[in-house]
């Protein structure tokens, strides 16, 4: 399954380009933040793919920073900007996330490896080995947990909430389906930790691929020409 990371990278960057292009055409801070999150997703799978062939300490650190710490948070922040329109809540949270991201970058770059020439098995996924190679202090571990909880709740919860609104008002069937797919896709990489703990580290690659594919399909559905669930339209709601 190792080579699935290559396909995940291609899909993630294609998805990011599509989102940035929509941002260029329509504006919307949420699209900009989603584009950043997807670029981080692609960086994570790209460095993962690099380490299929060779070990590189910078690639390992960028893999952990982007994949394990920042991707979910930035994608979730995009959803916060989409759904929270009042006051300065969303902009303030974005500034905080940017500061925390810079702190995380500094911590990861400064984190030492367990040895000058760590033992790295190319036949095993990086997700099964990084704990024995990268020294993570308590601050890194805490930020990893908090960023993932925040991002997953925001992204998955926001998609489910939007889908519920479309279902309740019987409008925009494509966006109902799109948000369900986005929520499902976002949960796939979030389950990677469970796979790793169960000794199924290889499944991280599959979960990343399925996750980005489902989210991309969901995005395409949500941004497709509008269709109503019933013939009687209702007032529009928050959209993707």
Protein backbone atom coordinates (compact mmCIF):
# COMPACT_ATOMS: atom_id res chain seq x y z
CA UNK A 1 0.00 0.00 0.00
CA UNK A 2 3.02 2.28 0.30
CA UNK A 3 2.70 3.69 -3.21
CA UNK A 4 -0.85 4.88 -2.55
CA UNK A 5 0.79 7.97 -1.02
CA UNK A 6 1.82 9.06 -4.51
CA UNK A 7 -1.78 9.00 -5.72
CA UNK A 8 -2.94 10.74 -2.54
CA UNK A 9 -0.43 13.51 -3.25
CA UNK A 10 -1.67 13.98 -6.81
CA UNK A 11 -5.31 14.14 -5.71
CA UNK A 12 -4.58 16.46 -2.78
CA UNK A 13 -2.68 19.01 -4.88
CA UNK A 14 -5.28 18.82 -7.68
CA UNK A 15 -7.95 19.45 -5.04
CA UNK A 16 -5.96 22.37 -3.62
CA UNK A 17 -5.61 23.93 -7.08
CA UNK A 18 -9.37 23.61 -7.64
CA UNK A 19 -10.11 25.29 -4.30
CA UNK A 20 -7.59 28.10 -4.86
CA UNK A 21 -9.05 28.63 -8.32
CA UNK A 22 -12.55 28.93 -6.87
CA UNK A 23 -11.18 31.38 -4.30
CA UNK A 24 -9.65 33.45 -7.12
CA UNK A 25 -13.00 33.52 -8.93
CA UNK A 26 -15.40 33.98 -6.02
CA UNK A 27 -13.40 35.10 -2.98
CA UNK A 28 -14.19 33.82 0.50
CA UNK A 29 -11.66 33.38 3.28
CA UNK A 30 -12.97 29.85 3.91
CA UNK A 31 -11.78 28.78 0.45
CA UNK A 32 -8.34 30.28 1.06
CA UNK A 33 -8.02 28.41 4.35
CA UNK A 34 -9.27 25.16 2.80
CA UNK A 35 -6.66 25.60 0.08
CA UNK A 36 -3.95 26.00 2.71
CA UNK A 37 -5.21 22.92 4.53
CA UNK A 38 -5.22 20.86 1.34
CA UNK A 39 -1.71 22.04 0.47
CA UNK A 40 -0.60 20.80 3.89
CA UNK A 41 -2.41 17.52 3.20
CA UNK A 42 -0.47 17.19 -0.05
CA UNK A 43 2.81 18.08 1.65
CA UNK A 44 2.16 15.37 4.23
CA UNK A 45 1.52 12.66 1.65
CA UNK A 46 4.38 13.93 -0.55
CA UNK A 47 6.96 13.62 2.24
CA UNK A 48 5.42 10.25 3.09
CA UNK A 49 5.99 9.18 -0.51
CA UNK A 50 9.59 10.43 -0.39
CA UNK A 51 10.27 8.20 2.60
CA UNK A 52 9.09 5.16 0.67
CA UNK A 53 12.40 5.37 -1.17
CA UNK A 54 14.79 7.00 1.29
CA UNK A 55 14.99 8.41 4.79
CA UNK A 56 15.31 12.17 5.20
CA UNK A 57 15.11 13.92 8.55
CA UNK A 58 13.54 17.10 7.12
CA UNK A 59 10.96 15.05 5.24
CA UNK A 60 10.11 13.23 8.47
CA UNK A 61 9.63 16.49 10.34
CA UNK A 62 7.55 18.06 7.57
CA UNK A 63 5.47 14.87 7.39
CA UNK A 64 4.72 15.08 11.09
CA UNK A 65 4.11 18.84 11.10
CA UNK A 66 1.78 18.90 8.11
CA UNK A 67 0.05 15.55 8.41
CA UNK A 68 -0.10 14.95 12.13
CA UNK A 69 -0.46 18.53 13.39
CA UNK A 70 -1.69 21.18 10.95
CA UNK A 71 -3.82 19.75 8.13
CA UNK A 72 -7.00 19.04 10.10
CA UNK A 73 -6.75 22.36 11.96
CA UNK A 74 -6.50 24.50 8.81
CA UNK A 75 -9.26 22.60 7.02
CA UNK A 76 -11.44 22.97 10.09
CA UNK A 77 -10.61 26.68 10.32
CA UNK A 78 -11.95 27.11 6.80
CA UNK A 79 -15.24 25.62 7.93
CA UNK A 80 -15.29 27.94 10.96
CA UNK A 81 -14.97 30.91 8.61
CA UNK A 82 -17.80 29.58 6.47
CA UNK A 83 -20.26 29.00 9.29
CA UNK A 84 -19.35 31.61 11.93
CA UNK A 85 -20.17 34.96 10.34
CA UNK A 86 -20.78 37.18 13.36
CA UNK A 87 -18.22 39.30 15.15
CA UNK A 88 -14.50 38.67 15.09
CA UNK A 89 -14.64 35.07 16.30
CA UNK A 90 -13.44 33.40 13.09
CA UNK A 91 -10.69 35.96 12.28
CA UNK A 92 -9.43 35.83 15.86
CA UNK A 93 -9.28 32.04 15.81
CA UNK A 94 -7.40 32.19 12.51
CA UNK A 95 -4.77 34.50 14.00
CA UNK A 96 -4.40 32.18 16.99
CA UNK A 97 -4.07 29.17 14.68
CA UNK A 98 -1.41 30.95 12.63
CA UNK A 99 0.60 31.72 15.77
CA UNK A 100 0.22 28.15 17.06
CA UNK A 101 1.27 26.84 13.64
CA UNK A 102 4.47 28.91 13.75
CA UNK A 103 5.19 27.65 17.26
CA UNK A 104 4.59 24.10 16.07
CA UNK A 105 6.98 24.66 13.15
CA UNK A 106 9.69 25.87 15.52
CA UNK A 107 9.18 22.96 17.91
CA UNK A 108 9.30 20.35 15.16
CA UNK A 109 12.36 21.80 13.44
CA UNK A 110 14.15 21.91 16.80
CA UNK A 111 13.09 18.39 17.79
CA UNK A 112 16.12 16.08 17.81
CA UNK A 113 16.24 12.61 16.33
CA UNK A 114 16.92 9.70 18.64
CA UNK A 115 20.30 9.16 16.95
CA UNK A 116 22.50 10.80 14.36
CA UNK A 117 21.91 7.91 11.96
CA UNK A 118 18.51 6.47 12.90
CA UNK A 119 17.57 2.97 11.84
CA UNK A 120 14.84 3.27 9.22
CA UNK A 121 13.22 0.33 7.48
CA UNK A 122 12.07 1.22 3.94
CA UNK A 123 9.76 -1.79 3.92
CA UNK A 124 7.75 -0.35 6.81
CA UNK A 125 5.52 2.76 6.70
CA UNK A 126 6.83 5.88 8.38
CA UNK A 127 3.74 5.89 10.60
CA UNK A 128 5.02 2.69 12.24
CA UNK A 129 8.52 4.07 12.91
CA UNK A 130 8.39 7.80 13.61
CA UNK A 131 7.98 7.43 17.39
CA UNK A 132 11.30 5.60 17.55
CA UNK A 133 13.08 8.23 15.47
CA UNK A 134 11.61 11.66 16.24
CA UNK A 135 11.85 12.91 19.80
CA UNK A 136 8.57 14.63 20.64
CA UNK A 137 8.44 16.65 23.84
CA UNK A 138 5.26 17.20 25.86
CA UNK A 139 4.49 20.48 24.07
CA UNK A 140 4.53 18.79 20.65
CA UNK A 141 2.33 15.95 21.84
CA UNK A 142 -0.14 18.33 23.48
CA UNK A 143 -0.36 20.58 20.41
CA UNK A 144 -0.82 17.53 18.17
CA UNK A 145 -3.79 16.38 20.24
CA UNK A 146 -5.41 19.81 20.54
CA UNK A 147 -4.96 20.75 16.88
CA UNK A 148 -6.43 17.46 15.68
CA UNK A 149 -9.40 17.62 18.04
CA UNK A 150 -10.12 21.22 17.05
CA UNK A 151 -9.77 20.60 13.32
CA UNK A 152 -11.72 17.36 13.21
CA UNK A 153 -14.61 18.71 15.26
CA UNK A 154 -14.76 21.88 13.16
CA UNK A 155 -14.51 20.16 9.77
CA UNK A 156 -16.63 17.09 10.41
CA UNK A 157 -19.08 18.85 12.70
CA UNK A 158 -19.47 21.75 10.28
CA UNK A 159 -20.11 19.44 7.34
CA UNK A 160 -22.69 17.43 9.29
CA UNK A 161 -24.39 20.61 10.50
CA UNK A 162 -24.58 22.01 6.96
CA UNK A 163 -25.94 18.71 5.64
CA UNK A 164 -28.60 18.74 8.35
CA UNK A 165 -29.68 22.27 7.40
CA UNK A 166 -30.04 21.32 3.73
CA UNK A 167 -31.98 18.18 4.65
CA UNK A 168 -34.29 20.02 7.04
CA UNK A 169 -35.10 22.79 4.56
CA UNK A 170 -35.29 20.40 1.59
CA UNK A 171 -32.98 22.51 -0.57
CA UNK A 172 -29.77 22.03 -2.55
CA UNK A 173 -29.63 18.23 -2.68
CA UNK A 174 -26.16 18.31 -4.18
CA UNK A 175 -24.83 20.22 -1.19
CA UNK A 176 -26.49 17.80 1.20
CA UNK A 177 -24.69 14.90 -0.50
CA UNK A 178 -21.47 16.91 -0.81
CA UNK A 179 -21.31 17.72 2.89
CA UNK A 180 -21.97 14.10 3.84
CA UNK A 181 -19.07 13.02 1.62
CA UNK A 182 -16.83 15.72 3.08
CA UNK A 183 -17.64 14.62 6.63
CA UNK A 184 -17.00 10.97 5.75
CA UNK A 185 -13.76 11.79 3.96
CA UNK A 186 -12.51 13.93 6.85
CA UNK A 187 -13.08 11.05 9.27
CA UNK A 188 -10.93 8.66 7.25
CA UNK A 189 -7.49 10.18 8.05
CA UNK A 190 -8.70 10.92 11.59
CA UNK A 191 -9.01 7.15 12.08
CA UNK A 192 -5.36 6.63 11.15
CA UNK A 193 -4.27 6.74 14.79
CA UNK A 194 -6.62 3.87 15.54
CA UNK A 195 -5.17 1.85 12.66
CA UNK A 196 -1.62 2.47 13.89
CA UNK A 197 -2.44 1.44 17.46
CA UNK A 198 -4.08 -1.72 16.12
CA UNK A 199 -0.89 -2.60 14.26
CA UNK A 200 -2.34 -1.71 10.85
CA UNK A 201 0.04 1.12 9.99
CA UNK A 202 -0.22 0.38 6.27
CA UNK A 203 -3.89 1.35 6.38
CA UNK A 204 -2.84 4.94 7.04
CA UNK A 205 -2.00 5.21 3.33
CA UNK A 206 -5.39 3.87 2.27
CA UNK A 207 -7.29 6.08 4.72
CA UNK A 208 -5.45 9.17 3.46
CA UNK A 209 -6.26 8.31 -0.15
CA UNK A 210 -9.93 7.51 0.47
CA UNK A 211 -10.24 10.59 2.67
CA UNK A 212 -8.99 13.09 0.11
CA UNK A 213 -10.90 11.41 -2.73
CA UNK A 214 -14.21 11.52 -0.81
CA UNK A 215 -13.65 15.14 0.23
CA UNK A 216 -12.82 16.11 -3.36
CA UNK A 217 -15.96 14.41 -4.68
CA UNK A 218 -17.94 16.09 -1.92
CA UNK A 219 -16.52 19.49 -2.87
CA UNK A 220 -17.42 18.93 -6.52
CA UNK A 221 -20.93 17.91 -5.51
CA UNK A 222 -21.35 20.90 -3.21
CA UNK A 223 -20.20 23.35 -5.87
CA UNK A 224 -22.17 21.78 -8.75
CA UNK A 225 -25.21 23.57 -10.26
CA UNK A 226 -27.97 23.80 -7.69
CA UNK A 227 -30.77 21.30 -7.36
CA UNK A 228 -33.56 21.15 -4.78
CA UNK A 229 -34.62 18.13 -2.78
CA UNK A 230 -38.28 18.96 -3.27
CA UNK A 231 -40.04 21.14 -5.81
CA UNK A 232 -40.86 23.80 -3.21
CA UNK A 233 -37.68 25.82 -2.57
CA UNK A 234 -36.79 27.26 0.82
CA UNK A 235 -34.48 29.98 1.98
CA UNK A 236 -30.83 29.28 1.29
CA UNK A 237 -28.52 28.13 4.03
CA UNK A 238 -24.80 28.03 4.63
CA UNK A 239 -23.02 26.35 1.74
CA UNK A 240 -19.69 24.85 0.98
